[in-house]
């Protein structure tokens, strides 16, 4: 911990123009000597700065930084603590392993690169190092109030709302876990649950911010936010926006007086009011209603017309034989 370095980093991040050491020290309420020490500490952390006769500034876009993500975030639960890695096997795995630690609820795990990033149904999540958002949010859920189906819907909405504030483009949702721009995937979501020693839920989020995977690495069209902006985007601002949005949705899901659970702890239920809100806002961004689709569910292919999407029970499909099916997100995927 180096409070002076964190303070100076906050000042540098808020600035775009070059500033002299004296200016930075004054804004950070540090002595000149303390500012020099803080700069050395930041460089040792790997913070990259540009220098000129006019002074110095952070190189943009700024690398992922836990302090900048946490500072002034203002959330109730999500993002109270953040940790950033250069490389991990999987941020979801790190988050789940952290569930045994004290004060782990709401932990956000981020990485510049993953060696074994994964999407739903065992698919690999491909992302070049240092370009995108690879993030997992850990939620300890001992009272079983968080449905994985509802969280998948909420996370998709949280990302879509943040995307539309970051770039001049419309974000659409494809059941169950994709965020799209112009029918190309920009984000995928993976919710995983571990029940021992306590019920831990992890919301994994992968967003293509400044780079999309090469076509040969994916089975469907993919895009990145930078393709819809004037240039590279600051990932930190996008992350903070997603965390605030997700925190607000989780608060709605868990804080209602009529929030109930069934006898099965694996199937919690948010209130009908929140369920309807999730349903309506998700459908407003989804173009799948009444479309004929083919779904791979539990190892079988099912074709039919989309009747509805239930935040608790999944896709509601009327098959070509007239049968009505409810297909949960955990075991289903639209082809």
Protein backbone atom coordinates (compact mmCIF):
# COMPACT_ATOMS: atom_id res chain seq x y z
CA UNK A 1 0.00 0.00 0.00
CA UNK A 2 1.30 3.45 -0.90
CA UNK A 3 -1.40 6.09 -0.22
CA UNK A 4 0.65 8.91 -1.75
CA UNK A 5 1.09 6.93 -4.97
CA UNK A 6 -2.65 6.17 -5.13
CA UNK A 7 -3.44 9.83 -4.52
CA UNK A 8 -1.09 10.96 -7.27
CA UNK A 9 -2.44 8.32 -9.66
CA UNK A 10 -5.95 9.66 -9.14
CA UNK A 11 -4.76 13.16 -10.06
CA UNK A 12 -2.89 11.91 -13.12
CA UNK A 13 -5.87 9.90 -14.32
CA UNK A 14 -8.20 12.90 -14.05
CA UNK A 15 -5.82 14.95 -16.21
CA UNK A 16 -5.32 14.60 -19.95
CA UNK A 17 -2.75 17.35 -20.49
CA UNK A 18 0.88 17.33 -19.39
CA UNK A 19 1.52 18.74 -15.93
CA UNK A 20 4.68 19.70 -14.10
CA UNK A 21 5.77 17.86 -10.99
CA UNK A 22 4.96 20.91 -8.88
CA UNK A 23 1.44 21.10 -10.32
CA UNK A 24 0.83 17.43 -9.67
CA UNK A 25 2.21 17.65 -6.13
CA UNK A 26 -0.06 20.61 -5.39
CA UNK A 27 -3.20 18.89 -6.71
CA UNK A 28 -2.37 15.74 -4.76
CA UNK A 29 -1.56 17.78 -1.62
CA UNK A 30 1.93 16.25 -1.46
CA UNK A 31 5.33 17.78 -0.91
CA UNK A 32 7.63 17.76 -3.91
CA UNK A 33 9.76 15.05 -2.32
CA UNK A 34 6.68 12.93 -1.58
CA UNK A 35 5.49 13.36 -5.19
CA UNK A 36 8.86 12.15 -6.49
CA UNK A 37 8.61 9.08 -4.26
CA UNK A 38 5.03 8.47 -5.39
CA UNK A 39 6.05 8.65 -9.05
CA UNK A 40 8.80 6.10 -8.42
CA UNK A 41 6.29 3.82 -6.71
CA UNK A 42 3.88 4.12 -9.66
CA UNK A 43 6.62 3.27 -12.14
CA UNK A 44 7.55 0.22 -10.06
CA UNK A 45 3.93 -0.89 -10.30
CA UNK A 46 4.16 -0.74 -14.06
CA UNK A 47 2.17 2.46 -14.55
CA UNK A 48 3.26 3.92 -17.91
CA UNK A 49 3.80 7.68 -18.20
CA UNK A 50 4.76 10.00 -21.02
CA UNK A 51 7.19 12.87 -20.46
CA UNK A 52 7.79 16.12 -22.33
CA UNK A 53 9.23 19.56 -21.54
CA UNK A 54 5.71 20.47 -20.35
CA UNK A 55 5.76 17.73 -17.69
CA UNK A 56 4.25 14.29 -17.63
CA UNK A 57 0.96 12.47 -18.03
CA UNK A 58 -0.40 8.95 -18.08
CA UNK A 59 -0.07 7.02 -21.32
CA UNK A 60 -3.52 6.40 -22.76
CA UNK A 61 -5.44 4.18 -22.68
CA UNK A 62 -4.46 3.45 -19.10
CA UNK A 63 -3.70 -0.11 -18.03
CA UNK A 64 -6.08 -1.82 -15.62
CA UNK A 65 -5.62 -0.56 -12.07
CA UNK A 66 -7.49 -1.67 -8.97
CA UNK A 67 -7.27 1.71 -7.22
CA UNK A 68 -8.71 3.60 -10.20
CA UNK A 69 -11.55 1.09 -10.45
CA UNK A 70 -12.43 1.26 -6.75
CA UNK A 71 -11.90 5.01 -6.18
CA UNK A 72 -15.23 6.80 -5.72
CA UNK A 73 -17.15 3.91 -7.30
CA UNK A 74 -20.09 4.43 -4.96
CA UNK A 75 -21.52 0.91 -5.19
CA UNK A 76 -23.20 -0.87 -2.33
CA UNK A 77 -21.84 -4.37 -2.92
CA UNK A 78 -20.12 -4.93 -6.27
CA UNK A 79 -16.56 -3.64 -6.56
CA UNK A 80 -15.86 -2.80 -2.94
CA UNK A 81 -12.59 -4.61 -3.57
CA UNK A 82 -10.85 -5.16 -6.89
CA UNK A 83 -7.74 -7.07 -7.84
CA UNK A 84 -5.88 -6.95 -11.16
CA UNK A 85 -3.59 -9.64 -12.56
CA UNK A 86 -1.30 -9.57 -15.54
CA UNK A 87 -2.24 -13.10 -16.51
CA UNK A 88 -4.33 -15.88 -14.98
CA UNK A 89 -5.81 -19.16 -16.09
CA UNK A 90 -9.34 -17.80 -15.68
CA UNK A 91 -10.74 -14.85 -13.74
CA UNK A 92 -13.79 -16.98 -12.87
CA UNK A 93 -11.53 -19.59 -11.27
CA UNK A 94 -9.64 -16.95 -9.26
CA UNK A 95 -12.92 -15.44 -8.06
CA UNK A 96 -14.34 -18.81 -7.02
CA UNK A 97 -11.13 -19.69 -5.19
CA UNK A 98 -11.40 -16.36 -3.33
CA UNK A 99 -14.81 -17.28 -1.88
CA UNK A 100 -13.12 -18.77 1.19
CA UNK A 101 -11.46 -15.47 2.09
CA UNK A 102 -12.85 -12.89 4.50
CA UNK A 103 -14.77 -9.96 3.01
CA UNK A 104 -14.82 -11.64 -0.41
CA UNK A 105 -18.40 -10.69 -1.29
CA UNK A 106 -18.45 -8.25 -4.19
CA UNK A 107 -14.80 -8.88 -5.12
CA UNK A 108 -13.95 -8.00 -8.72
CA UNK A 109 -11.16 -9.98 -10.38
CA UNK A 110 -9.63 -8.61 -13.58
CA UNK A 111 -6.79 -9.74 -15.80
CA UNK A 112 -4.96 -8.37 -18.81
CA UNK A 113 -4.80 -11.89 -20.23
CA UNK A 114 -6.20 -15.38 -19.61
CA UNK A 115 -4.50 -18.63 -20.49
CA UNK A 116 -7.72 -20.62 -20.27
CA UNK A 117 -10.58 -18.15 -20.50
CA UNK A 118 -13.89 -19.87 -21.10
CA UNK A 119 -17.37 -19.08 -22.26
CA UNK A 120 -20.56 -21.05 -21.90
CA UNK A 121 -20.82 -24.80 -22.58
CA UNK A 122 -17.05 -25.25 -22.51
CA UNK A 123 -16.25 -22.81 -25.30
CA UNK A 124 -12.95 -20.92 -25.22
CA UNK A 125 -12.96 -17.13 -24.78
CA UNK A 126 -10.27 -15.62 -27.01
CA UNK A 127 -8.86 -12.15 -26.28
CA UNK A 128 -5.50 -10.50 -27.04
CA UNK A 129 -3.56 -9.35 -23.99
CA UNK A 130 -4.04 -5.84 -22.66
CA UNK A 131 -6.88 -4.83 -24.95
CA UNK A 132 -10.19 -5.91 -23.47
CA UNK A 133 -12.18 -6.47 -20.28
CA UNK A 134 -11.76 -9.90 -18.69
CA UNK A 135 -13.64 -9.63 -15.42
CA UNK A 136 -15.38 -11.73 -12.79
CA UNK A 137 -17.59 -10.57 -9.92
CA UNK A 138 -17.86 -12.81 -6.84
CA UNK A 139 -21.12 -12.85 -4.87
CA UNK A 140 -21.50 -14.85 -1.68
CA UNK A 141 -25.11 -16.01 -1.56
CA UNK A 142 -25.67 -18.02 1.61
CA UNK A 143 -29.41 -17.23 1.62
CA UNK A 144 -29.76 -18.33 -2.02
CA UNK A 145 -31.31 -15.11 -3.24
CA UNK A 146 -29.46 -14.88 -6.56
CA UNK A 147 -30.76 -16.94 -9.46
CA UNK A 148 -28.11 -17.68 -12.08
CA UNK A 149 -30.75 -17.16 -14.79
CA UNK A 150 -31.73 -13.74 -13.41
CA UNK A 151 -28.08 -12.75 -12.97
CA UNK A 152 -27.32 -13.64 -16.59
CA UNK A 153 -30.16 -11.37 -17.72
CA UNK A 154 -29.11 -8.59 -15.32
CA UNK A 155 -25.45 -8.76 -16.39
CA UNK A 156 -26.41 -8.52 -20.05
CA UNK A 157 -28.46 -5.42 -19.32
CA UNK A 158 -25.66 -3.91 -17.22
CA UNK A 159 -23.18 -4.31 -20.07
CA UNK A 160 -25.58 -3.13 -22.77
CA UNK A 161 -26.34 0.06 -20.84
CA UNK A 162 -22.62 0.76 -20.35
CA UNK A 163 -21.79 0.02 -23.98
CA UNK A 164 -24.33 2.54 -25.22
CA UNK A 165 -22.81 5.22 -23.00
CA UNK A 166 -19.32 4.39 -24.27
CA UNK A 167 -19.94 4.35 -28.03
CA UNK A 168 -22.56 5.76 -30.43
CA UNK A 169 -24.14 2.39 -31.18
CA UNK A 170 -27.16 0.36 -30.13
CA UNK A 171 -26.47 -2.69 -27.99
CA UNK A 172 -28.75 -5.65 -28.58
CA UNK A 173 -29.10 -8.82 -26.53
CA UNK A 174 -29.13 -12.39 -27.78
CA UNK A 175 -30.34 -15.11 -25.46
CA UNK A 176 -28.92 -16.14 -23.16
CA UNK A 177 -25.65 -14.29 -22.68
CA UNK A 178 -24.46 -12.28 -25.70
CA UNK A 179 -24.33 -8.52 -26.19
CA UNK A 180 -24.27 -7.54 -29.87
CA UNK A 181 -23.59 -4.48 -31.98
CA UNK A 182 -24.84 -4.75 -35.58
CA UNK A 183 -25.35 -8.51 -35.08
CA UNK A 184 -21.70 -9.02 -34.11
CA UNK A 185 -20.77 -10.21 -30.64
CA UNK A 186 -19.07 -7.67 -28.38
CA UNK A 187 -19.59 -9.34 -25.00
CA UNK A 188 -20.21 -12.75 -23.49
CA UNK A 189 -21.34 -13.58 -19.95
CA UNK A 190 -20.75 -16.73 -17.93
CA UNK A 191 -22.46 -17.24 -14.55
CA UNK A 192 -21.11 -20.11 -12.46
CA UNK A 193 -22.16 -21.41 -9.03
CA UNK A 194 -20.17 -23.26 -6.39
CA UNK A 195 -22.06 -24.59 -3.35
CA UNK A 196 -19.22 -25.62 -1.02
CA UNK A 197 -18.24 -24.44 1.54
CA UNK A 198 -20.86 -21.75 0.87
CA UNK A 199 -22.99 -20.81 -2.11
CA UNK A 200 -20.73 -18.63 -4.25
CA UNK A 201 -21.91 -17.13 -7.54
CA UNK A 202 -19.49 -15.69 -10.07
CA UNK A 203 -20.54 -13.42 -12.93
CA UNK A 204 -17.87 -13.60 -15.63
CA UNK A 205 -17.87 -10.82 -18.22
CA UNK A 206 -15.73 -10.62 -21.34
CA UNK A 207 -16.01 -7.41 -23.39
CA UNK A 208 -14.16 -6.76 -26.65
CA UNK A 209 -13.14 -3.16 -26.03
CA UNK A 210 -10.09 -2.35 -28.15
CA UNK A 211 -9.68 -5.58 -30.12
CA UNK A 212 -11.87 -8.33 -31.52
CA UNK A 213 -10.70 -11.93 -31.84
CA UNK A 214 -9.56 -12.94 -35.33
CA UNK A 215 -12.26 -14.57 -37.47
CA UNK A 216 -10.53 -17.96 -37.33
CA UNK A 217 -10.76 -17.95 -33.51
CA UNK A 218 -14.55 -17.60 -33.34
CA UNK A 219 -17.57 -19.32 -34.83
CA UNK A 220 -19.73 -16.20 -35.14
CA UNK A 221 -19.05 -12.57 -36.18
CA UNK A 222 -17.36 -10.50 -33.48
CA UNK A 223 -16.63 -6.81 -33.07
CA UNK A 224 -15.06 -4.45 -30.54
CA UNK A 225 -16.12 -1.08 -29.14
CA UNK A 226 -13.15 0.73 -30.67
CA UNK A 227 -14.54 -0.09 -34.12
CA UNK A 228 -17.55 2.08 -33.24
CA UNK A 229 -15.65 4.93 -31.57
CA UNK A 230 -13.06 7.50 -32.59
CA UNK A 231 -10.22 5.33 -31.33
CA UNK A 232 -9.12 3.25 -28.32
CA UNK A 233 -11.36 3.42 -25.25
CA UNK A 234 -10.49 3.65 -21.58
CA UNK A 235 -11.42 0.26 -20.17
CA UNK A 236 -11.48 1.56 -16.61
CA UNK A 237 -14.43 3.87 -17.27
CA UNK A 238 -16.37 1.09 -18.97
CA UNK A 239 -15.63 -1.31 -16.10
CA UNK A 240 -16.80 1.20 -13.51
CA UNK A 241 -20.02 1.79 -15.44
CA UNK A 242 -20.73 -1.95 -15.74
CA UNK A 243 -20.08 -2.48 -12.03
CA UNK A 244 -22.44 0.33 -11.04
CA UNK A 245 -25.15 -1.03 -13.32
CA UNK A 246 -24.73 -4.59 -12.08
CA UNK A 247 -24.72 -3.45 -8.46
CA UNK A 248 -28.02 -1.64 -8.98
CA UNK A 249 -29.63 -4.73 -10.53
CA UNK A 250 -28.36 -6.99 -7.74
CA UNK A 251 -29.72 -4.58 -5.17
CA UNK A 252 -33.14 -4.78 -6.82
CA UNK A 253 -33.03 -8.57 -6.98
CA UNK A 254 -32.08 -9.05 -3.33
CA UNK A 255 -33.65 -6.11 -1.48
CA UNK A 256 -37.34 -6.55 -2.19
CA UNK A 257 -39.55 -7.48 0.73
CA UNK A 258 -41.36 -10.08 -1.36
CA UNK A 259 -38.11 -11.73 -2.45
CA UNK A 260 -38.58 -15.43 -1.76
CA UNK A 261 -36.79 -18.70 -2.31
CA UNK A 262 -38.07 -22.17 -2.96
CA UNK A 263 -37.14 -25.19 -0.89
CA UNK A 264 -34.48 -25.85 -3.51
CA UNK A 265 -31.58 -23.47 -2.69
CA UNK A 266 -30.40 -23.74 -6.29
CA UNK A 267 -33.56 -22.00 -7.54
CA UNK A 268 -34.00 -18.61 -5.78
CA UNK A 269 -36.69 -16.24 -6.96
CA UNK A 270 -36.53 -12.44 -7.13
CA UNK A 271 -39.77 -10.60 -6.58
CA UNK A 272 -42.41 -10.63 -9.35
CA UNK A 273 -41.88 -6.88 -9.79
CA UNK A 274 -38.16 -7.25 -10.42
CA UNK A 275 -38.70 -10.33 -12.58
CA UNK A 276 -41.08 -8.33 -14.77
CA UNK A 277 -38.62 -5.44 -14.95
CA UNK A 278 -35.79 -7.75 -16.03
CA UNK A 279 -38.10 -9.36 -18.57
CA UNK A 280 -39.35 -6.12 -20.10
CA UNK A 281 -35.99 -4.37 -20.31
CA UNK A 282 -34.30 -7.45 -21.74
CA UNK A 283 -36.99 -7.96 -24.38
CA UNK A 284 -36.73 -4.30 -25.38
CA UNK A 285 -33.16 -5.05 -26.51
CA UNK A 286 -33.83 -8.47 -28.01
CA UNK A 287 -34.95 -9.14 -31.57
CA UNK A 288 -35.69 -12.84 -31.09
CA UNK A 289 -39.42 -12.68 -30.32
CA UNK A 290 -41.53 -14.73 -32.76
CA UNK A 291 -38.42 -15.74 -34.68
CA UNK A 292 -37.83 -19.34 -35.68
CA UNK A 293 -34.60 -20.57 -34.10
CA UNK A 294 -32.71 -23.78 -33.52
CA UNK A 295 -31.50 -24.40 -29.98
CA UNK A 296 -29.06 -27.01 -28.79
CA UNK A 297 -30.36 -28.09 -25.40
CA UNK A 298 -29.02 -30.94 -23.25
CA UNK A 299 -27.28 -32.46 -26.25
CA UNK A 300 -30.30 -32.28 -28.59
CA UNK A 301 -31.31 -29.84 -31.33
CA UNK A 302 -34.75 -28.27 -31.02
CA UNK A 303 -36.32 -25.97 -33.61
CA UNK A 304 -39.30 -23.71 -33.04
CA UNK A 305 -40.67 -20.20 -32.57
CA UNK A 306 -39.62 -17.99 -29.65
CA UNK A 307 -42.66 -17.19 -27.52
CA UNK A 308 -40.97 -15.42 -24.61
CA UNK A 309 -37.92 -15.24 -22.39
CA UNK A 310 -38.38 -15.85 -18.67
CA UNK A 311 -35.66 -14.38 -16.40
CA UNK A 312 -36.07 -17.41 -14.11
CA UNK A 313 -36.82 -20.30 -16.46
CA UNK A 314 -35.08 -19.41 -19.71
CA UNK A 315 -36.22 -19.43 -23.33
CA UNK A 316 -39.84 -20.35 -23.97
CA UNK A 317 -40.06 -22.10 -27.32
CA UNK A 318 -42.96 -23.56 -29.27
CA UNK A 319 -41.55 -26.41 -31.32
CA UNK A 320 -42.57 -27.28 -34.85
CA UNK A 321 -44.62 -30.13 -33.38
CA UNK A 322 -46.60 -27.70 -31.20
CA UNK A 323 -44.90 -28.56 -27.93
CA UNK A 324 -44.03 -25.69 -25.58
CA UNK A 325 -40.60 -25.98 -23.96
CA UNK A 326 -38.76 -23.96 -21.32
CA UNK A 327 -35.03 -24.16 -21.99
CA UNK A 328 -32.68 -23.02 -19.19
CA UNK A 329 -29.68 -20.91 -20.14
CA UNK A 330 -27.22 -23.16 -18.31
CA UNK A 331 -27.73 -26.04 -20.73
CA UNK A 332 -28.97 -24.33 -23.90
CA UNK A 333 -27.50 -22.34 -26.76
CA UNK A 334 -29.04 -20.78 -29.87
CA UNK A 335 -27.28 -21.95 -33.03
